[in-house]
Amino acid sequence: MKKTFSFKASNKTGDRQVDSIKHEIKKYLARERRKPLPESANVWDFDCKIGPDEKSATKQRVTELNQVISSLYAQELESFYLEIKARASVKVSKNANNG
């Protein structure tokens, strides 16, 4: 997903638009996680970049996206850029090391 989101919507307040954006991102992540994994992987991982525009976007963790979106809205920006790339990866269980 590569998209520029606008905080301005004619039929919503700014706060409602922020909630709508966060919900759209959550739905996208859920959809990507439902895709079948390759044989060599056991989990989907996401590379994210977010910022006021594409050139100034910085890497962020998926878990931090909501906080960053809220801070961008607090800066009174009209829009922001978000890029999310899904990649298959291997995660080792914490319990696997103990046994």
N, C-alpha and C. Protein backbone atom coordinates (compact mmCIF):
# COMPACT_ATOMS: atom_id res chain seq x y z
N MET A 1 0.85 -1.17 0.00
CA MET A 1 0.00 0.00 0.00
C MET A 1 0.89 1.23 0.00
N LYS A 2 0.69 2.06 -0.97
CA LYS A 2 1.33 3.37 -1.02
C LYS A 2 0.21 4.36 -1.23
N LYS A 3 0.02 5.24 -0.26
CA LYS A 3 -1.13 6.12 -0.35
C LYS A 3 -0.88 7.41 0.41
N THR A 4 -1.45 8.50 -0.11
CA THR A 4 -1.47 9.76 0.59
C THR A 4 -2.87 9.94 1.15
N PHE A 5 -2.96 10.02 2.46
CA PHE A 5 -4.24 10.18 3.15
C PHE A 5 -4.47 11.65 3.45
N SER A 6 -5.70 12.09 3.31
CA SER A 6 -6.07 13.47 3.62
C SER A 6 -6.82 13.52 4.94
N PHE A 7 -6.48 14.50 5.77
CA PHE A 7 -7.19 14.70 7.02
C PHE A 7 -8.48 15.50 6.81
N LYS A 8 -8.64 16.07 5.62
CA LYS A 8 -9.81 16.89 5.32
C LYS A 8 -10.83 16.05 4.57
N ALA A 9 -12.06 16.02 5.07
CA ALA A 9 -13.16 15.35 4.39
C ALA A 9 -14.40 16.23 4.53
N SER A 10 -15.15 16.35 3.46
CA SER A 10 -16.29 17.25 3.47
C SER A 10 -17.41 16.78 4.39
N ASN A 11 -17.51 15.47 4.61
CA ASN A 11 -18.61 14.95 5.40
C ASN A 11 -18.22 14.47 6.79
N LYS A 12 -16.98 14.73 7.23
CA LYS A 12 -16.52 14.27 8.54
C LYS A 12 -15.71 15.35 9.23
N THR A 13 -15.72 15.29 10.56
CA THR A 13 -14.82 16.16 11.32
C THR A 13 -13.42 15.57 11.24
N GLY A 14 -12.43 16.32 11.63
CA GLY A 14 -11.04 15.86 11.57
C GLY A 14 -10.79 14.61 12.40
N ASP A 15 -11.36 14.57 13.61
CA ASP A 15 -11.17 13.41 14.49
C ASP A 15 -11.79 12.15 13.89
N ARG A 16 -12.97 12.30 13.30
CA ARG A 16 -13.63 11.15 12.67
C ARG A 16 -12.85 10.68 11.45
N GLN A 17 -12.25 11.60 10.73
CA GLN A 17 -11.44 11.23 9.56
C GLN A 17 -10.19 10.47 10.01
N VAL A 18 -9.58 10.88 11.10
CA VAL A 18 -8.42 10.17 11.64
C VAL A 18 -8.81 8.74 12.01
N ASP A 19 -9.95 8.58 12.68
CA ASP A 19 -10.43 7.24 13.03
C ASP A 19 -10.69 6.40 11.79
N SER A 20 -11.23 7.02 10.76
CA SER A 20 -11.51 6.33 9.51
C SER A 20 -10.22 5.85 8.84
N ILE A 21 -9.20 6.67 8.87
CA ILE A 21 -7.89 6.31 8.29
C ILE A 21 -7.29 5.15 9.06
N LYS A 22 -7.31 5.22 10.38
CA LYS A 22 -6.76 4.14 11.21
C LYS A 22 -7.49 2.83 10.96
N HIS A 23 -8.81 2.91 10.78
CA HIS A 23 -9.60 1.71 10.51
C HIS A 23 -9.24 1.12 9.15
N GLU A 24 -9.06 1.97 8.16
CA GLU A 24 -8.68 1.49 6.82
C GLU A 24 -7.33 0.77 6.87
N ILE A 25 -6.39 1.29 7.62
CA ILE A 25 -5.07 0.66 7.75
C ILE A 25 -5.19 -0.68 8.47
N LYS A 26 -6.00 -0.71 9.52
CA LYS A 26 -6.22 -1.95 10.27
C LYS A 26 -6.83 -3.02 9.37
N LYS A 27 -7.79 -2.65 8.53
CA LYS A 27 -8.41 -3.60 7.60
C LYS A 27 -7.39 -4.11 6.58
N TYR A 28 -6.53 -3.22 6.09
CA TYR A 28 -5.50 -3.62 5.13
C TYR A 28 -4.54 -4.63 5.76
N LEU A 29 -4.09 -4.36 6.97
CA LEU A 29 -3.16 -5.27 7.65
C LEU A 29 -3.81 -6.63 7.88
N ALA A 30 -5.07 -6.64 8.29
CA ALA A 30 -5.77 -7.91 8.51
C ALA A 30 -5.90 -8.69 7.21
N ARG A 31 -6.20 -8.00 6.13
CA ARG A 31 -6.32 -8.65 4.82
C ARG A 31 -5.00 -9.26 4.38
N GLU A 32 -3.91 -8.55 4.60
CA GLU A 32 -2.58 -9.07 4.23
C GLU A 32 -2.21 -10.27 5.09
N ARG A 33 -2.57 -10.25 6.36
CA ARG A 33 -2.23 -11.36 7.26
C ARG A 33 -3.00 -12.64 6.92
N ARG A 34 -4.15 -12.50 6.26
CA ARG A 34 -4.93 -13.67 5.87
C ARG A 34 -4.39 -14.36 4.63
N LYS A 35 -3.51 -13.73 3.90
CA LYS A 35 -2.95 -14.33 2.69
C LYS A 35 -2.11 -15.55 3.06
N PRO A 36 -2.08 -16.57 2.18
CA PRO A 36 -1.28 -17.75 2.49
C PRO A 36 0.21 -17.43 2.54
N LEU A 37 0.89 -18.02 3.50
CA LEU A 37 2.33 -17.81 3.67
C LEU A 37 3.12 -18.78 2.81
N PRO A 38 4.31 -18.39 2.35
CA PRO A 38 5.19 -19.33 1.67
C PRO A 38 5.65 -20.42 2.65
N GLU A 39 6.13 -21.52 2.12
CA GLU A 39 6.58 -22.65 2.96
C GLU A 39 7.68 -22.26 3.94
N SER A 40 8.55 -21.34 3.54
CA SER A 40 9.72 -21.00 4.35
C SER A 40 9.43 -19.98 5.46
N ALA A 41 8.18 -19.51 5.59
CA ALA A 41 7.86 -18.47 6.57
C ALA A 41 6.71 -18.92 7.46
N ASN A 42 6.62 -18.25 8.62
CA ASN A 42 5.52 -18.58 9.52
C ASN A 42 4.73 -17.35 9.98
N VAL A 43 5.09 -16.16 9.49
CA VAL A 43 4.37 -14.95 9.89
C VAL A 43 4.60 -13.85 8.84
N TRP A 44 3.61 -12.96 8.71
CA TRP A 44 3.77 -11.78 7.87
C TRP A 44 4.38 -10.67 8.71
N ASP A 45 5.35 -9.98 8.15
CA ASP A 45 5.97 -8.83 8.78
C ASP A 45 5.75 -7.64 7.85
N PHE A 46 5.77 -6.44 8.37
CA PHE A 46 5.46 -5.26 7.57
C PHE A 46 6.55 -4.21 7.70
N ASP A 47 6.96 -3.68 6.56
CA ASP A 47 7.89 -2.55 6.51
C ASP A 47 7.04 -1.31 6.26
N CYS A 48 7.12 -0.33 7.15
CA CYS A 48 6.27 0.85 7.06
C CYS A 48 7.11 2.12 6.98
N LYS A 49 6.63 3.05 6.18
CA LYS A 49 7.21 4.39 6.11
C LYS A 49 6.05 5.37 6.17
N ILE A 50 6.21 6.40 6.99
CA ILE A 50 5.15 7.39 7.15
C ILE A 50 5.76 8.76 7.35
N GLY A 51 5.09 9.77 6.80
CA GLY A 51 5.57 11.13 6.95
C GLY A 51 4.66 12.12 6.26
N PRO A 52 4.98 13.39 6.37
CA PRO A 52 4.14 14.41 5.73
C PRO A 52 4.06 14.26 4.21
N ASP A 53 5.15 13.77 3.61
CA ASP A 53 5.15 13.49 2.18
C ASP A 53 6.09 12.32 1.91
N GLU A 54 6.13 11.87 0.66
CA GLU A 54 6.89 10.67 0.32
C GLU A 54 8.39 10.84 0.57
N LYS A 55 8.93 12.00 0.31
CA LYS A 55 10.37 12.22 0.45
C LYS A 55 10.81 12.29 1.91
N SER A 56 9.95 12.76 2.77
CA SER A 56 10.34 12.90 4.18
C SER A 56 9.80 11.76 5.04
N ALA A 57 9.25 10.73 4.43
CA ALA A 57 8.71 9.59 5.19
C ALA A 57 9.85 8.82 5.85
N THR A 58 9.63 8.40 7.09
CA THR A 58 10.63 7.65 7.83
C THR A 58 10.08 6.28 8.20
N LYS A 59 10.98 5.35 8.47
CA LYS A 59 10.57 4.01 8.85
C LYS A 59 9.95 4.02 10.24
N GLN A 60 8.86 3.26 10.39
CA GLN A 60 8.20 3.11 11.67
C GLN A 60 7.76 1.67 11.83
N ARG A 61 7.57 1.26 13.06
CA ARG A 61 7.03 -0.07 13.34
C ARG A 61 5.52 -0.02 13.17
N VAL A 62 4.93 -1.13 12.81
CA VAL A 62 3.49 -1.22 12.63
C VAL A 62 2.76 -0.81 13.91
N THR A 63 3.29 -1.19 15.04
CA THR A 63 2.64 -0.90 16.32
C THR A 63 2.63 0.59 16.65
N GLU A 64 3.45 1.38 15.98
CA GLU A 64 3.55 2.81 16.26
C GLU A 64 2.76 3.67 15.28
N LEU A 65 2.14 3.07 14.27
CA LEU A 65 1.47 3.84 13.23
C LEU A 65 0.37 4.74 13.78
N ASN A 66 -0.48 4.22 14.67
CA ASN A 66 -1.58 5.02 15.20
C ASN A 66 -1.07 6.25 15.95
N GLN A 67 0.00 6.10 16.71
CA GLN A 67 0.57 7.23 17.44
C GLN A 67 1.13 8.28 16.47
N VAL A 68 1.79 7.82 15.42
CA VAL A 68 2.38 8.74 14.44
C VAL A 68 1.28 9.48 13.69
N ILE A 69 0.21 8.78 13.32
CA ILE A 69 -0.90 9.42 12.62
C ILE A 69 -1.53 10.49 13.51
N SER A 70 -1.71 10.18 14.78
CA SER A 70 -2.27 11.17 15.71
C SER A 70 -1.35 12.38 15.85
N SER A 71 -0.05 12.16 15.89
CA SER A 71 0.87 13.29 16.02
C SER A 71 0.90 14.13 14.74
N LEU A 72 0.78 13.48 13.58
CA LEU A 72 0.73 14.24 12.32
C LEU A 72 -0.55 15.09 12.26
N TYR A 73 -1.64 14.54 12.75
CA TYR A 73 -2.89 15.30 12.79
C TYR A 73 -2.76 16.48 13.76
N ALA A 74 -2.09 16.26 14.87
CA ALA A 74 -1.90 17.33 15.87
C ALA A 74 -1.05 18.47 15.30
N GLN A 75 -0.21 18.16 14.32
CA GLN A 75 0.61 19.19 13.68
C GLN A 75 -0.19 20.00 12.67
N GLU A 76 -1.48 19.67 12.54
CA GLU A 76 -2.41 20.37 11.65
C GLU A 76 -2.00 20.28 10.18
N LEU A 77 -1.47 19.12 9.78
CA LEU A 77 -1.17 18.89 8.38
C LEU A 77 -2.46 18.57 7.63
N GLU A 78 -2.48 18.82 6.33
CA GLU A 78 -3.67 18.50 5.54
C GLU A 78 -3.67 17.05 5.10
N SER A 79 -2.47 16.46 4.94
CA SER A 79 -2.39 15.07 4.49
C SER A 79 -1.06 14.47 4.94
N PHE A 80 -0.93 13.15 4.74
CA PHE A 80 0.32 12.47 5.03
C PHE A 80 0.47 11.28 4.10
N TYR A 81 1.69 10.81 3.97
CA TYR A 81 2.02 9.68 3.10
C TYR A 81 2.28 8.44 3.95
N LEU A 82 1.75 7.30 3.49
CA LEU A 82 1.95 6.04 4.19
C LEU A 82 2.29 4.96 3.17
N GLU A 83 3.31 4.18 3.48
CA GLU A 83 3.71 3.05 2.64
C GLU A 83 3.85 1.83 3.54
N ILE A 84 3.16 0.75 3.18
CA ILE A 84 3.26 -0.50 3.93
C ILE A 84 3.55 -1.62 2.94
N LYS A 85 4.63 -2.35 3.21
CA LYS A 85 4.99 -3.49 2.37
C LYS A 85 4.99 -4.75 3.25
N ALA A 86 4.25 -5.74 2.81
CA ALA A 86 4.20 -7.01 3.54
C ALA A 86 5.32 -7.91 3.06
N ARG A 87 5.94 -8.61 4.01
CA ARG A 87 6.96 -9.59 3.63
C ARG A 87 6.86 -10.78 4.59
N ALA A 88 7.07 -11.94 4.04
CA ALA A 88 7.02 -13.16 4.85
C ALA A 88 8.32 -13.27 5.63
N SER A 89 8.23 -13.67 6.89
CA SER A 89 9.42 -13.83 7.70
C SER A 89 9.23 -15.00 8.67
N VAL A 90 10.32 -15.36 9.30
CA VAL A 90 10.30 -16.46 10.25
C VAL A 90 10.49 -15.89 11.65
N LYS A 91 9.57 -16.16 12.51
CA LYS A 91 9.67 -15.75 13.92
C LYS A 91 9.83 -16.99 14.77
N VAL A 92 10.76 -16.95 15.70
CA VAL A 92 11.01 -18.06 16.60
C VAL A 92 10.21 -17.85 17.87
N SER A 93 9.50 -18.83 18.31
CA SER A 93 8.72 -18.75 19.54
C SER A 93 9.65 -18.58 20.74
N LYS A 94 9.22 -17.83 21.73
CA LYS A 94 10.02 -17.65 22.95
C LYS A 94 10.18 -18.96 23.69
N ASN A 95 9.17 -19.81 23.65
CA ASN A 95 9.21 -21.09 24.33
C ASN A 95 10.09 -22.09 23.61
N ALA A 96 10.38 -21.90 22.34
CA ALA A 96 11.20 -22.84 21.57
C ALA A 96 12.64 -22.86 22.08
N ASN A 97 13.12 -21.74 22.64
CA ASN A 97 14.49 -21.67 23.13
C ASN A 97 14.66 -22.41 24.46
N ASN A 98 13.59 -22.59 25.19
CA ASN A 98 13.69 -23.21 26.52
C ASN A 98 13.69 -24.72 26.49
N GLY A 99 13.32 -25.32 25.37
CA GLY A 99 13.12 -26.73 25.40
C GLY A 99 14.09 -27.53 24.67
